[in-house]
Amino acid sequence: MNFLSQDLVWWITVIDLPALGGLFWMNWRGRRESAEEISHLRDLTDTRHSQLREALLAFKLEVAKTYASQGDMKDLETRLTAHLLRIESKLDATALKAESLRIS
């Protein structure tokens, strides 16, 4: 029994403790690297978020500068409506002439 216990103690001391120490070190290092990578990704995400926000604001400003105002659109709508009404009246007159020719 004494031989078995000495062999077991030797096994634990020489093999198990260094193996467990190595596993503990690998686990600790992996967690530290993961935390650093998460921090880096968070910083990168924040930077990209602010860049996208600035780009969107610049695009909105460009749209506001180059697109037509509501007043211009209302003026265009009034002109189109008047023109369509003139076309409609001409079509009505043509239809009435065609109807009178067909009756005669």
PDB file of N, CA and C in Angstrom:
ATOM      1  N   MET A   1       0.809  -1.190   0.000  1.00  0.00           N
ATOM      2  CA  MET A   1       0.000   0.000   0.000  1.00  0.00           C
ATOM      3  C   MET A   1       0.856   1.259   0.000  1.00  0.00           C
ATOM      4  N   ASN A   2       1.982   1.173   0.669  1.00  0.00           N
ATOM      5  CA  ASN A   2       2.882   2.304   0.745  1.00  0.00           C
ATOM      6  C   ASN A   2       3.412   2.641  -0.646  1.00  0.00           C
ATOM      7  N   PHE A   3       3.703   1.606  -1.458  1.00  0.00           N
ATOM      8  CA  PHE A   3       4.188   1.817  -2.816  1.00  0.00           C
ATOM      9  C   PHE A   3       3.127   2.492  -3.674  1.00  0.00           C
ATOM     10  N   LEU A   4       1.855   2.070  -3.509  1.00  0.00           N
ATOM     11  CA  LEU A   4       0.762   2.650  -4.286  1.00  0.00           C
ATOM     12  C   LEU A   4       0.551   4.106  -3.907  1.00  0.00           C
ATOM     13  N   SER A   5       0.633   4.407  -2.652  1.00  0.00           N
ATOM     14  CA  SER A   5       0.426   5.783  -2.241  1.00  0.00           C
ATOM     15  C   SER A   5       1.579   6.668  -2.693  1.00  0.00           C
ATOM     16  N   GLN A   6       2.821   6.160  -2.683  1.00  0.00           N
ATOM     17  CA  GLN A   6       3.942   6.949  -3.174  1.00  0.00           C
ATOM     18  C   GLN A   6       3.820   7.157  -4.681  1.00  0.00           C
ATOM     19  N   ASP A   7       3.399   6.123  -5.401  1.00  0.00           N
ATOM     20  CA  ASP A   7       3.208   6.246  -6.843  1.00  0.00           C
ATOM     21  C   ASP A   7       2.097   7.248  -7.163  1.00  0.00           C
ATOM     22  N   LEU A   8       1.043   7.212  -6.376  1.00  0.00           N
ATOM     23  CA  LEU A   8      -0.068   8.146  -6.566  1.00  0.00           C
ATOM     24  C   LEU A   8       0.365   9.575  -6.272  1.00  0.00           C
ATOM     25  N   VAL A   9       1.114   9.771  -5.233  1.00  0.00           N
ATOM     26  CA  VAL A   9       1.616  11.105  -4.881  1.00  0.00           C
ATOM     27  C   VAL A   9       2.548  11.599  -5.986  1.00  0.00           C
ATOM     28  N   TRP A  10       3.427  10.708  -6.475  1.00  0.00           N
ATOM     29  CA  TRP A  10       4.335  11.093  -7.550  1.00  0.00           C
ATOM     30  C   TRP A  10       3.536  11.491  -8.796  1.00  0.00           C
ATOM     31  N   TRP A  11       2.514  10.717  -9.141  1.00  0.00           N
ATOM     32  CA  TRP A  11       1.670  10.994 -10.313  1.00  0.00           C
ATOM     33  C   TRP A  11       0.989  12.352 -10.175  1.00  0.00           C
ATOM     34  N   ILE A  12       0.436  12.608  -9.015  1.00  0.00           N
ATOM     35  CA  ILE A  12      -0.243  13.883  -8.791  1.00  0.00           C
ATOM     36  C   ILE A  12       0.747  15.027  -8.873  1.00  0.00           C
ATOM     37  N   THR A  13       1.912  14.871  -8.270  1.00  0.00           N
ATOM     38  CA  THR A  13       2.898  15.943  -8.227  1.00  0.00           C
ATOM     39  C   THR A  13       3.518  16.202  -9.596  1.00  0.00           C
ATOM     40  N   VAL A  14       3.858  15.171 -10.314  1.00  0.00           N
ATOM     41  CA  VAL A  14       4.595  15.336 -11.561  1.00  0.00           C
ATOM     42  C   VAL A  14       3.672  15.569 -12.759  1.00  0.00           C
ATOM     43  N   ILE A  15       2.528  14.934 -12.791  1.00  0.00           N
ATOM     44  CA  ILE A  15       1.674  15.003 -13.976  1.00  0.00           C
ATOM     45  C   ILE A  15       0.450  15.885 -13.760  1.00  0.00           C
ATOM     46  N   ASP A  16      -0.342  15.606 -12.769  1.00  0.00           N
ATOM     47  CA  ASP A  16      -1.630  16.277 -12.609  1.00  0.00           C
ATOM     48  C   ASP A  16      -1.496  17.755 -12.265  1.00  0.00           C
ATOM     49  N   LEU A  17      -0.639  18.097 -11.320  1.00  0.00           N
ATOM     50  CA  LEU A  17      -0.531  19.502 -10.927  1.00  0.00           C
ATOM     51  C   LEU A  17      -0.030  20.388 -12.068  1.00  0.00           C
ATOM     52  N   PRO A  18       1.007  20.023 -12.799  1.00  0.00           N
ATOM     53  CA  PRO A  18       1.391  20.866 -13.948  1.00  0.00           C
ATOM     54  C   PRO A  18       0.310  20.917 -15.033  1.00  0.00           C
ATOM     55  N   ALA A  19      -0.361  19.787 -15.253  1.00  0.00           N
ATOM     56  CA  ALA A  19      -1.433  19.786 -16.264  1.00  0.00           C
ATOM     57  C   ALA A  19      -2.567  20.708 -15.841  1.00  0.00           C
ATOM     58  N   LEU A  20      -2.967  20.650 -14.592  1.00  0.00           N
ATOM     59  CA  LEU A  20      -4.032  21.534 -14.108  1.00  0.00           C
ATOM     60  C   LEU A  20      -3.578  22.988 -14.107  1.00  0.00           C
ATOM     61  N   GLY A  21      -2.304  23.203 -13.744  1.00  0.00           N
ATOM     62  CA  GLY A  21      -1.766  24.565 -13.802  1.00  0.00           C
ATOM     63  C   GLY A  21      -1.789  25.108 -15.217  1.00  0.00           C
ATOM     64  N   GLY A  22      -1.406  24.264 -16.179  1.00  0.00           N
ATOM     65  CA  GLY A  22      -1.452  24.680 -17.582  1.00  0.00           C
ATOM     66  C   GLY A  22      -2.863  24.968 -18.058  1.00  0.00           C
ATOM     67  N   LEU A  23      -3.807  24.142 -17.665  1.00  0.00           N
ATOM     68  CA  LEU A  23      -5.211  24.378 -18.047  1.00  0.00           C
ATOM     69  C   LEU A  23      -5.738  25.663 -17.417  1.00  0.00           C
ATOM     70  N   PHE A  24      -5.371  25.884 -16.137  1.00  0.00           N
ATOM     71  CA  PHE A  24      -5.795  27.116 -15.474  1.00  0.00           C
ATOM     72  C   PHE A  24      -5.221  28.328 -16.191  1.00  0.00           C
ATOM     73  N   TRP A  25      -3.923  28.261 -16.549  1.00  0.00           N
ATOM     74  CA  TRP A  25      -3.281  29.374 -17.248  1.00  0.00           C
ATOM     75  C   TRP A  25      -3.916  29.613 -18.618  1.00  0.00           C
ATOM     76  N   MET A  26      -4.208  28.532 -19.363  1.00  0.00           N
ATOM     77  CA  MET A  26      -4.851  28.678 -20.671  1.00  0.00           C
ATOM     78  C   MET A  26      -6.231  29.308 -20.540  1.00  0.00           C
ATOM     79  N   ASN A  27      -6.988  28.898 -19.529  1.00  0.00           N
ATOM     80  CA  ASN A  27      -8.313  29.450 -19.297  1.00  0.00           C
ATOM     81  C   ASN A  27      -8.222  30.930 -18.942  1.00  0.00           C
ATOM     82  N   TRP A  28      -7.298  31.287 -18.056  1.00  0.00           N
ATOM     83  CA  TRP A  28      -7.140  32.679 -17.644  1.00  0.00           C
ATOM     84  C   TRP A  28      -6.722  33.549 -18.825  1.00  0.00           C
ATOM     85  N   ARG A  29      -5.758  33.052 -19.621  1.00  0.00           N
ATOM     86  CA  ARG A  29      -5.293  33.798 -20.781  1.00  0.00           C
ATOM     87  C   ARG A  29      -6.408  33.948 -21.824  1.00  0.00           C
ATOM     88  N   GLY A  30      -7.185  32.893 -22.035  1.00  0.00           N
ATOM     89  CA  GLY A  30      -8.288  32.962 -22.995  1.00  0.00           C
ATOM     90  C   GLY A  30      -9.334  33.978 -22.577  1.00  0.00           C
ATOM     91  N   ARG A  31      -9.631  34.025 -21.297  1.00  0.00           N
ATOM     92  CA  ARG A  31     -10.613  35.019 -20.818  1.00  0.00           C
ATOM     93  C   ARG A  31     -10.077  36.433 -20.977  1.00  0.00           C
ATOM     94  N   ARG A  32      -8.793  36.631 -20.660  1.00  0.00           N
ATOM     95  CA  ARG A  32      -8.198  37.960 -20.795  1.00  0.00           C
ATOM     96  C   ARG A  32      -8.209  38.408 -22.251  1.00  0.00           C
ATOM     97  N   GLU A  33      -7.821  37.515 -23.170  1.00  0.00           N
ATOM     98  CA  GLU A  33      -7.826  37.858 -24.593  1.00  0.00           C
ATOM     99  C   GLU A  33      -9.238  38.119 -25.095  1.00  0.00           C
ATOM    100  N   SER A  34     -10.210  37.360 -24.597  1.00  0.00           N
ATOM    101  CA  SER A  34     -11.600  37.587 -24.993  1.00  0.00           C
ATOM    102  C   SER A  34     -12.087  38.949 -24.524  1.00  0.00           C
ATOM    103  N   ALA A  35     -11.734  39.313 -23.297  1.00  0.00           N
ATOM    104  CA  ALA A  35     -12.144  40.620 -22.781  1.00  0.00           C
ATOM    105  C   ALA A  35     -11.501  41.745 -23.583  1.00  0.00           C
ATOM    106  N   GLU A  36     -10.223  41.586 -23.943  1.00  0.00           N
ATOM    107  CA  GLU A  36      -9.554  42.599 -24.760  1.00  0.00           C
ATOM    108  C   GLU A  36     -10.194  42.699 -26.136  1.00  0.00           C
ATOM    109  N   GLU A  37     -10.531  41.574 -26.735  1.00  0.00           N
ATOM    110  CA  GLU A  37     -11.147  41.577 -28.063  1.00  0.00           C
ATOM    111  C   GLU A  37     -12.546  42.201 -28.015  1.00  0.00           C
ATOM    112  N   ILE A  38     -13.285  41.904 -26.973  1.00  0.00           N
ATOM    113  CA  ILE A  38     -14.620  42.506 -26.824  1.00  0.00           C
ATOM    114  C   ILE A  38     -14.498  44.015 -26.682  1.00  0.00           C
ATOM    115  N   SER A  39     -13.514  44.459 -25.905  1.00  0.00           N
ATOM    116  CA  SER A  39     -13.298  45.900 -25.746  1.00  0.00           C
ATOM    117  C   SER A  39     -12.921  46.539 -27.081  1.00  0.00           C
ATOM    118  N   HIS A  40     -12.052  45.878 -27.836  1.00  0.00           N
ATOM    119  CA  HIS A  40     -11.664  46.399 -29.153  1.00  0.00           C
ATOM    120  C   HIS A  40     -12.872  46.461 -30.086  1.00  0.00           C
ATOM    121  N   LEU A  41     -13.668  45.404 -30.116  1.00  0.00           N
ATOM    122  CA  LEU A  41     -14.852  45.391 -30.983  1.00  0.00           C
ATOM    123  C   LEU A  41     -15.863  46.455 -30.574  1.00  0.00           C
ATOM    124  N   ARG A  42     -16.000  46.677 -29.265  1.00  0.00           N
ATOM    125  CA  ARG A  42     -16.923  47.716 -28.790  1.00  0.00           C
ATOM    126  C   ARG A  42     -16.444  49.091 -29.260  1.00  0.00           C
ATOM    127  N   ASP A  43     -15.143  49.355 -29.151  1.00  0.00           N
ATOM    128  CA  ASP A  43     -14.601  50.632 -29.623  1.00  0.00           C
ATOM    129  C   ASP A  43     -14.793  50.781 -31.124  1.00  0.00           C
ATOM    130  N   LEU A  44     -14.530  49.712 -31.868  1.00  0.00           N
ATOM    131  CA  LEU A  44     -14.702  49.751 -33.318  1.00  0.00           C
ATOM    132  C   LEU A  44     -16.163  49.987 -33.695  1.00  0.00           C
ATOM    133  N   THR A  45     -17.065  49.323 -32.991  1.00  0.00           N
ATOM    134  CA  THR A  45     -18.496  49.505 -33.257  1.00  0.00           C
ATOM    135  C   THR A  45     -18.934  50.939 -32.953  1.00  0.00           C
ATOM    136  N   ASP A  46     -18.443  51.496 -31.855  1.00  0.00           N
ATOM    137  CA  ASP A  46     -18.788  52.879 -31.524  1.00  0.00           C
ATOM    138  C   ASP A  46     -18.262  53.847 -32.571  1.00  0.00           C
ATOM    139  N   THR A  47     -17.042  53.588 -33.052  1.00  0.00           N
ATOM    140  CA  THR A  47     -16.469  54.451 -34.080  1.00  0.00           C
ATOM    141  C   THR A  47     -17.277  54.371 -35.369  1.00  0.00           C
ATOM    142  N   ARG A  48     -17.592  53.162 -35.787  1.00  0.00           N
ATOM    143  CA  ARG A  48     -18.377  52.994 -37.021  1.00  0.00           C
ATOM    144  C   ARG A  48     -19.775  53.597 -36.871  1.00  0.00           C
ATOM    145  N   HIS A  49     -20.358  53.475 -35.677  1.00  0.00           N
ATOM    146  CA  HIS A  49     -21.685  54.046 -35.431  1.00  0.00           C
ATOM    147  C   HIS A  49     -21.645  55.560 -35.597  1.00  0.00           C
ATOM    148  N   SER A  50     -20.634  56.199 -35.027  1.00  0.00           N
ATOM    149  CA  SER A  50     -20.541  57.650 -35.153  1.00  0.00           C
ATOM    150  C   SER A  50     -20.266  58.054 -36.605  1.00  0.00           C
ATOM    151  N   GLN A  51     -19.456  57.267 -37.338  1.00  0.00           N
ATOM    152  CA  GLN A  51     -19.212  57.582 -38.749  1.00  0.00           C
ATOM    153  C   GLN A  51     -20.492  57.465 -39.570  1.00  0.00           C
ATOM    154  N   LEU A  52     -21.270  56.424 -39.308  1.00  0.00           N
ATOM    155  CA  LEU A  52     -22.535  56.258 -40.032  1.00  0.00           C
ATOM    156  C   LEU A  52     -23.512  57.377 -39.701  1.00  0.00           C
ATOM    157  N   ARG A  53     -23.541  57.777 -38.432  1.00  0.00           N
ATOM    158  CA  ARG A  53     -24.430  58.872 -38.038  1.00  0.00           C
ATOM    159  C   ARG A  53     -24.036  60.166 -38.751  1.00  0.00           C
ATOM    160  N   GLU A  54     -22.734  60.454 -38.811  1.00  0.00           N
ATOM    161  CA  GLU A  54     -22.278  61.657 -39.506  1.00  0.00           C
ATOM    162  C   GLU A  54     -22.596  61.581 -40.998  1.00  0.00           C
ATOM    163  N   ALA A  55     -22.412  60.408 -41.595  1.00  0.00           N
ATOM    164  CA  ALA A  55     -22.717  60.257 -43.022  1.00  0.00           C
ATOM    165  C   ALA A  55     -24.208  60.444 -43.286  1.00  0.00           C
ATOM    166  N   LEU A  56     -25.035  59.906 -42.406  1.00  0.00           N
ATOM    167  CA  LEU A  56     -26.480  60.075 -42.572  1.00  0.00           C
ATOM    168  C   LEU A  56     -26.887  61.539 -42.431  1.00  0.00           C
ATOM    169  N   LEU A  57     -26.309  62.239 -41.472  1.00  0.00           N
ATOM    170  CA  LEU A  57     -26.620  63.659 -41.313  1.00  0.00           C
ATOM    171  C   LEU A  57     -26.166  64.458 -42.536  1.00  0.00           C
ATOM    172  N   ALA A  58     -25.005  64.115 -43.088  1.00  0.00           N
ATOM    173  CA  ALA A  58     -24.532  64.802 -44.292  1.00  0.00           C
ATOM    174  C   ALA A  58     -25.469  64.525 -45.474  1.00  0.00           C
ATOM    175  N   PHE A  59     -25.945  63.279 -45.580  1.00  0.00           N
ATOM    176  CA  PHE A  59     -26.878  62.947 -46.655  1.00  0.00           C
ATOM    177  C   PHE A  59     -28.190  63.705 -46.486  1.00  0.00           C
ATOM    178  N   LYS A  60     -28.686  63.778 -45.263  1.00  0.00           N
ATOM    179  CA  LYS A  60     -29.927  64.526 -45.028  1.00  0.00           C
ATOM    180  C   LYS A  60     -29.757  65.995 -45.399  1.00  0.00           C
ATOM    181  N   LEU A  61     -28.603  66.562 -45.080  1.00  0.00           N
ATOM    182  CA  LEU A  61     -28.344  67.952 -45.429  1.00  0.00           C
ATOM    183  C   LEU A  61     -28.299  68.126 -46.943  1.00  0.00           C
ATOM    184  N   GLU A  62     -27.664  67.200 -47.641  1.00  0.00           N
ATOM    185  CA  GLU A  62     -27.598  67.263 -49.099  1.00  0.00           C
ATOM    186  C   GLU A  62     -28.989  67.153 -49.714  1.00  0.00           C
ATOM    187  N   VAL A  63     -29.805  66.272 -49.169  1.00  0.00           N
ATOM    188  CA  VAL A  63     -31.180  66.126 -49.668  1.00  0.00           C
ATOM    189  C   VAL A  63     -31.955  67.416 -49.435  1.00  0.00           C
ATOM    190  N   ALA A  64     -31.787  67.993 -48.262  1.00  0.00           N
ATOM    191  CA  ALA A  64     -32.515  69.232 -47.963  1.00  0.00           C
ATOM    192  C   ALA A  64     -32.081  70.366 -48.884  1.00  0.00           C
ATOM    193  N   LYS A  65     -30.820  70.355 -49.317  1.00  0.00           N
ATOM    194  CA  LYS A  65     -30.344  71.421 -50.192  1.00  0.00           C
ATOM    195  C   LYS A  65     -30.795  71.239 -51.632  1.00  0.00           C
ATOM    196  N   THR A  66     -30.856  69.996 -52.115  1.00  0.00           N
ATOM    197  CA  THR A  66     -31.055  69.790 -53.551  1.00  0.00           C
ATOM    198  C   THR A  66     -32.485  69.460 -53.948  1.00  0.00           C
ATOM    199  N   TYR A  67     -33.305  68.987 -53.073  1.00  0.00           N
ATOM    200  CA  TYR A  67     -34.657  68.606 -53.461  1.00  0.00           C
ATOM    201  C   TYR A  67     -35.582  69.815 -53.444  1.00  0.00           C
ATOM    202  N   ALA A  68     -36.691  69.686 -54.156  1.00  0.00           N
ATOM    203  CA  ALA A  68     -37.641  70.790 -54.307  1.00  0.00           C
ATOM    204  C   ALA A  68     -38.375  71.051 -52.999  1.00  0.00           C
ATOM    205  N   SER A  69     -38.703  72.320 -52.802  1.00  0.00           N
ATOM    206  CA  SER A  69     -39.446  72.684 -51.591  1.00  0.00           C
ATOM    207  C   SER A  69     -40.931  72.381 -51.782  1.00  0.00           C
ATOM    208  N   GLN A  70     -41.672  72.457 -50.700  1.00  0.00           N
ATOM    209  CA  GLN A  70     -43.121  72.197 -50.785  1.00  0.00           C
ATOM    210  C   GLN A  70     -43.824  73.255 -51.616  1.00  0.00           C
ATOM    211  N   GLY A  71     -43.362  74.471 -51.527  1.00  0.00           N
ATOM    212  CA  GLY A  71     -43.960  75.539 -52.335  1.00  0.00           C
ATOM    213  C   GLY A  71     -43.791  75.283 -53.817  1.00  0.00           C
ATOM    214  N   ASP A  72     -42.592  74.842 -54.193  1.00  0.00           N
ATOM    215  CA  ASP A  72     -42.354  74.510 -55.600  1.00  0.00           C
ATOM    216  C   ASP A  72     -43.239  73.354 -56.052  1.00  0.00           C
ATOM    217  N   MET A  73     -43.401  72.366 -55.207  1.00  0.00           N
ATOM    218  CA  MET A  73     -44.240  71.215 -55.552  1.00  0.00           C
ATOM    219  C   MET A  73     -45.709  71.626 -55.691  1.00  0.00           C
ATOM    220  N   LYS A  74     -46.178  72.505 -54.825  1.00  0.00           N
ATOM    221  CA  LYS A  74     -47.567  72.969 -54.936  1.00  0.00           C
ATOM    222  C   LYS A  74     -47.770  73.765 -56.216  1.00  0.00           C
ATOM    223  N   ASP A  75     -46.787  74.580 -56.587  1.00  0.00           N
ATOM    224  CA  ASP A  75     -46.871  75.339 -57.830  1.00  0.00           C
ATOM    225  C   ASP A  75     -46.924  74.397 -59.034  1.00  0.00           C
ATOM    226  N   LEU A  76     -46.083  73.372 -59.022  1.00  0.00           N
ATOM    227  CA  LEU A  76     -46.084  72.385 -60.099  1.00  0.00           C
ATOM    228  C   LEU A  76     -47.415  71.648 -60.167  1.00  0.00           C
ATOM    229  N   GLU A  77     -47.956  71.285 -59.025  1.00  0.00           N
ATOM    230  CA  GLU A  77     -49.247  70.595 -59.000  1.00  0.00           C
ATOM    231  C   GLU A  77     -50.345  71.486 -59.577  1.00  0.00           C
ATOM    232  N   THR A  78     -50.339  72.762 -59.267  1.00  0.00           N
ATOM    233  CA  THR A  78     -51.342  73.698 -59.788  1.00  0.00           C
ATOM    234  C   THR A  78     -51.227  73.802 -61.310  1.00  0.00           C
ATOM    235  N   ARG A  79     -50.015  73.906 -61.808  1.00  0.00           N
ATOM    236  CA  ARG A  79     -49.820  74.000 -63.246  1.00  0.00           C
ATOM    237  C   ARG A  79     -50.249  72.727 -63.952  1.00  0.00           C
ATOM    238  N   LEU A  80     -49.912  71.578 -63.394  1.00  0.00           N
ATOM    239  CA  LEU A  80     -50.325  70.312 -64.012  1.00  0.00           C
ATOM    240  C   LEU A  80     -51.836  70.145 -64.009  1.00  0.00           C
ATOM    241  N   THR A  81     -52.464  70.508 -62.910  1.00  0.00           N
ATOM    242  CA  THR A  81     -53.919  70.400 -62.822  1.00  0.00           C
ATOM    243  C   THR A  81     -54.594  71.300 -63.858  1.00  0.00           C
ATOM    244  N   ALA A  82     -54.092  72.519 -63.995  1.00  0.00           N
ATOM    245  CA  ALA A  82     -54.671  73.436 -64.988  1.00  0.00           C
ATOM    246  C   ALA A  82     -54.492  72.883 -66.403  1.00  0.00           C
ATOM    247  N   HIS A  83     -53.336  72.358 -66.675  1.00  0.00           N
ATOM    248  CA  HIS A  83     -53.090  71.796 -67.998  1.00  0.00           C
ATOM    249  C   HIS A  83     -53.989  70.587 -68.262  1.00  0.00           C
ATOM    250  N   LEU A  84     -54.133  69.699 -67.286  1.00  0.00           N
ATOM    251  CA  LEU A  84     -55.013  68.536 -67.461  1.00  0.00           C
ATOM    252  C   LEU A  84     -56.471  68.963 -67.642  1.00  0.00           C
ATOM    253  N   LEU A  85     -56.882  70.011 -66.955  1.00  0.00           N
ATOM    254  CA  LEU A  85     -58.260  70.505 -67.141  1.00  0.00           C
ATOM    255  C   LEU A  85     -58.463  71.043 -68.556  1.00  0.00           C
ATOM    256  N   ARG A  86     -57.446  71.718 -69.098  1.00  0.00           N
ATOM    257  CA  ARG A  86     -57.562  72.202 -70.489  1.00  0.00           C
ATOM    258  C   ARG A  86     -57.648  71.022 -71.461  1.00  0.00           C
ATOM    259  N   ILE A  87     -56.859  69.995 -71.240  1.00  0.00           N
ATOM    260  CA  ILE A  87     -56.921  68.805 -72.088  1.00  0.00           C
ATOM    261  C   ILE A  87     -58.286  68.150 -71.987  1.00  0.00           C
ATOM    262  N   GLU A  88     -58.807  68.064 -70.770  1.00  0.00           N
ATOM    263  CA  GLU A  88     -60.128  67.448 -70.574  1.00  0.00           C
ATOM    264  C   GLU A  88     -61.213  68.238 -71.298  1.00  0.00           C
ATOM    265  N   SER A  89     -61.157  69.565 -71.235  1.00  0.00           N
ATOM    266  CA  SER A  89     -62.175  70.368 -71.929  1.00  0.00           C
ATOM    267  C   SER A  89     -62.075  70.198 -73.448  1.00  0.00           C
ATOM    268  N   LYS A  90     -60.854  70.092 -73.980  1.00  0.00           N
ATOM    269  CA  LYS A  90     -60.683  69.857 -75.417  1.00  0.00           C
ATOM    270  C   LYS A  90     -61.239  68.489 -75.814  1.00  0.00           C
ATOM    271  N   LEU A  91     -61.005  67.470 -74.975  1.00  0.00           N
ATOM    272  CA  LEU A  91     -61.548  66.142 -75.264  1.00  0.00           C
ATOM    273  C   LEU A  91     -63.074  66.152 -75.222  1.00  0.00           C
ATOM    274  N   ASP A  92     -63.627  66.883 -74.265  1.00  0.00           N
ATOM    275  CA  ASP A  92     -65.091  66.982 -74.196  1.00  0.00           C
ATOM    276  C   ASP A  92     -65.641  67.657 -75.451  1.00  0.00           C
ATOM    277  N   ALA A  93     -64.980  68.709 -75.905  1.00  0.00           N
ATOM    278  CA  ALA A  93     -65.440  69.412 -77.109  1.00  0.00           C
ATOM    279  C   ALA A  93     -65.347  68.488 -78.319  1.00  0.00           C
ATOM    280  N   THR A  94     -64.263  67.727 -78.420  1.00  0.00           N
ATOM    281  CA  THR A  94     -64.090  66.796 -79.527  1.00  0.00           C
ATOM    282  C   THR A  94     -65.146  65.697 -79.476  1.00  0.00           C
ATOM    283  N   ALA A  95     -65.461  65.207 -78.286  1.00  0.00           N
ATOM    284  CA  ALA A  95     -66.480  64.168 -78.145  1.00  0.00           C
ATOM    285  C   ALA A  95     -67.842  64.712 -78.549  1.00  0.00           C
ATOM    286  N   LEU A  96     -68.150  65.959 -78.191  1.00  0.00           N
ATOM    287  CA  LEU A  96     -69.434  66.548 -78.573  1.00  0.00           C
ATOM    288  C   LEU A  96     -69.519  66.726 -80.104  1.00  0.00           C
ATOM    289  N   LYS A  97     -68.429  67.123 -80.738  1.00  0.00           N
ATOM    290  CA  LYS A  97     -68.435  67.251 -82.190  1.00  0.00           C
ATOM    291  C   LYS A  97     -68.625  65.886 -82.855  1.00  0.00           C
ATOM    292  N   ALA A  98     -67.965  64.891 -82.341  1.00  0.00           N
ATOM    293  CA  ALA A  98     -68.108  63.550 -82.901  1.00  0.00           C
ATOM    294  C   ALA A  98     -69.530  63.043 -82.723  1.00  0.00           C
ATOM    295  N   GLU A  99     -70.137  63.343 -81.593  1.00  0.00           N
ATOM    296  CA  GLU A  99     -71.507  62.916 -81.334  1.00  0.00           C
ATOM    297  C   GLU A  99     -72.482  63.625 -82.296  1.00  0.00           C
ATOM    298  N   SER A 100     -72.250  64.910 -82.526  1.00  0.00           N
ATOM    299  CA  SER A 100     -73.147  65.643 -83.436  1.00  0.00           C
ATOM    300  C   SER A 100     -72.988  65.143 -84.875  1.00  0.00           C
ATOM    301  N   LEU A 101     -71.801  64.762 -85.265  1.00  0.00           N
ATOM    302  CA  LEU A 101     -71.598  64.222 -86.615  1.00  0.00           C
ATOM    303  C   LEU A 101     -72.268  62.865 -86.768  1.00  0.00           C
ATOM    304  N   ARG A 102     -72.232  62.068 -85.737  1.00  0.00           N
ATOM    305  CA  ARG A 102     -72.811  60.742 -85.791  1.00  0.00           C
ATOM    306  C   ARG A 102     -74.345  60.824 -85.832  1.00  0.00           C
ATOM    307  N   ILE A 103     -74.920  61.797 -85.192  1.00  0.00           N
ATOM    308  CA  ILE A 103     -76.374  61.953 -85.173  1.00  0.00           C
ATOM    309  C   ILE A 103     -76.865  62.439 -86.557  1.00  0.00           C
ATOM    310  N   SER A 104     -76.102  63.274 -87.214  1.00  0.00           N
ATOM    311  CA  SER A 104     -76.548  63.851 -88.486  1.00  0.00           C
ATOM    312  C   SER A 104     -76.599  62.882 -89.591  1.00  0.00           C
TER     313      SER A 104
END
